[in-house]
Amino acid sequence: MTTGIETSDTAGDQIKAAGTLMFLLTAHAHLPAPAVLLELLNVPGTYDFAWGLSIGLHDGLGHFEQWRAALGLDPAAVEHKQRGDTGWLAVTGLHTGIPVKVCGFYKLDPGDEQ
């Protein structure tokens, strides 16, 4: 892990997050295919950043919920956000010690925009 917003020094620092990605894709091969980014994420409950996984789901909130439940991320921690005609649900947590962020995107009905 790194402290503050420092970045890691080598590609090898990403190995644990990449291994977690392979584990998740293997263990949950039956779930909808996500878009996955390996990136520096805030470690929940700290001011530290570490290499983690951002999992994006663009084909319905049901897919978001399947991944959230499979990763055991707290449903009470889910946040709703929106910008323009796009809304999304997001939740961040830890899985095998790696920060994981899951986002489910959807189009808002024209009457829903704020």
Protein backbone atom coordinates (compact mmCIF):
# COMPACT_ATOMS: atom_id res chain seq x y z
CA MET A 1 0.00 0.00 0.00
CA THR A 2 1.00 3.57 -0.49
CA THR A 3 0.40 6.47 1.84
CA GLY A 4 -1.51 9.55 0.79
CA ILE A 5 -1.63 9.93 -2.98
CA GLU A 6 1.84 8.62 -3.75
CA THR A 7 2.04 6.15 -6.61
CA SER A 8 3.73 2.77 -6.63
CA ASP A 9 7.26 2.46 -7.96
CA THR A 10 6.99 -0.70 -10.05
CA ALA A 11 4.52 -2.71 -12.10
CA GLY A 12 5.08 -5.53 -9.60
CA ASP A 13 3.10 -3.53 -7.06
CA GLN A 14 0.00 -4.34 -9.12
CA ILE A 15 0.39 -8.11 -8.88
CA LYS A 16 -1.88 -8.60 -5.85
CA ALA A 17 -4.73 -6.64 -7.49
CA ALA A 18 -4.22 -8.49 -10.80
CA GLY A 19 -4.30 -11.81 -8.95
CA THR A 20 -7.53 -10.80 -7.24
CA LEU A 21 -8.98 -9.94 -10.67
CA MET A 22 -8.13 -13.41 -11.97
CA PHE A 23 -9.60 -15.00 -8.84
CA LEU A 24 -12.85 -13.01 -9.16
CA LEU A 25 -13.30 -13.75 -12.85
CA THR A 26 -12.68 -17.44 -12.24
CA ALA A 27 -14.87 -17.71 -9.14
CA HIS A 28 -17.71 -15.71 -10.70
CA ALA A 29 -17.45 -16.75 -14.35
CA HIS A 30 -21.24 -17.15 -14.44
CA LEU A 31 -21.86 -13.45 -13.68
CA PRO A 32 -22.34 -10.78 -16.36
CA ALA A 33 -19.07 -9.62 -17.95
CA PRO A 34 -17.85 -6.40 -16.33
CA ALA A 35 -15.55 -3.68 -17.60
CA VAL A 36 -12.57 -3.82 -15.23
CA LEU A 37 -9.86 -1.25 -14.50
CA LEU A 38 -6.80 -1.83 -12.38
CA GLU A 39 -6.21 1.52 -10.66
CA LEU A 40 -5.15 3.25 -7.48
CA LEU A 41 -8.16 3.39 -5.16
CA ASN A 42 -8.71 4.76 -1.69
CA VAL A 43 -8.54 1.98 0.89
CA PRO A 44 -11.93 2.19 2.66
CA GLY A 45 -11.71 3.71 6.12
CA THR A 46 -8.23 5.17 5.57
CA TYR A 47 -6.45 7.96 3.76
CA ASP A 48 -4.26 5.39 1.99
CA PHE A 49 -4.37 4.37 -1.65
CA ALA A 50 -3.56 0.95 -3.08
CA TRP A 51 -3.87 -0.84 -6.40
CA GLY A 52 -7.41 -2.10 -6.66
CA LEU A 53 -10.18 -2.97 -9.08
CA SER A 54 -12.95 -0.82 -10.54
CA ILE A 55 -15.75 -2.99 -11.86
CA GLY A 56 -18.19 -1.28 -14.21
CA LEU A 57 -21.52 -2.73 -15.32
CA HIS A 58 -23.39 -1.01 -18.13
CA ASP A 59 -26.27 -3.38 -18.90
CA GLY A 60 -28.63 -2.90 -16.00
CA LEU A 61 -28.69 -2.47 -12.27
CA GLY A 62 -29.45 -6.16 -11.84
CA HIS A 63 -25.90 -6.87 -13.00
CA PHE A 64 -24.56 -4.37 -10.46
CA GLU A 65 -26.49 -6.11 -7.70
CA GLN A 66 -25.22 -9.55 -8.73
CA TRP A 67 -21.59 -8.38 -8.47
CA ARG A 68 -22.18 -6.41 -5.26
CA ALA A 69 -23.71 -9.46 -3.59
CA ALA A 70 -21.04 -11.85 -4.93
CA LEU A 71 -18.29 -9.64 -3.48
CA GLY A 72 -20.11 -9.29 -0.16
CA LEU A 73 -20.13 -5.49 -0.34
CA ASP A 74 -22.49 -3.78 2.12
CA PRO A 75 -25.82 -2.82 0.49
CA ALA A 76 -26.14 0.04 3.00
CA ALA A 77 -22.92 1.56 1.58
CA VAL A 78 -24.33 1.86 -1.97
CA GLU A 79 -24.48 5.46 -3.21
CA HIS A 80 -26.65 6.84 -6.00
CA LYS A 81 -25.15 9.47 -8.29
CA GLN A 82 -26.20 11.14 -11.51
CA ARG A 83 -24.91 13.50 -14.15
CA GLY A 84 -26.94 14.58 -17.15
CA ASP A 85 -28.98 11.66 -18.44
CA THR A 86 -26.83 9.02 -16.73
CA GLY A 87 -27.31 7.62 -13.24
CA TRP A 88 -25.20 5.09 -11.40
CA LEU A 89 -24.94 3.14 -8.20
CA ALA A 90 -21.51 2.79 -6.62
CA VAL A 91 -20.12 0.88 -3.68
CA THR A 92 -16.55 0.48 -2.45
CA GLY A 93 -15.14 -2.13 -0.13
CA LEU A 94 -12.35 -4.63 0.33
CA HIS A 95 -12.10 -8.09 -1.18
CA THR A 96 -9.12 -10.25 -0.12
CA GLY A 97 -7.54 -7.04 1.18
CA ILE A 98 -7.79 -5.28 -2.19
CA PRO A 99 -9.95 -2.16 -2.62
CA VAL A 100 -12.81 -2.84 -5.01
CA LYS A 101 -15.27 -0.33 -6.46
CA VAL A 102 -18.39 -1.58 -8.25
CA CYS A 103 -20.44 0.83 -10.37
CA GLY A 104 -23.68 0.10 -12.23
CA PHE A 105 -24.68 2.65 -14.87
CA TYR A 106 -28.11 3.36 -16.38
CA LYS A 107 -29.90 5.97 -18.47
CA LEU A 108 -32.32 8.24 -16.63
CA ASP A 109 -35.82 8.87 -17.90
CA PRO A 110 -36.09 12.50 -19.09
CA GLY A 111 -38.39 13.33 -16.13
CA ASP A 112 -35.78 12.03 -13.64
CA GLU A 113 -32.99 14.49 -14.47
CA GLN A 114 -32.23 17.14 -11.86
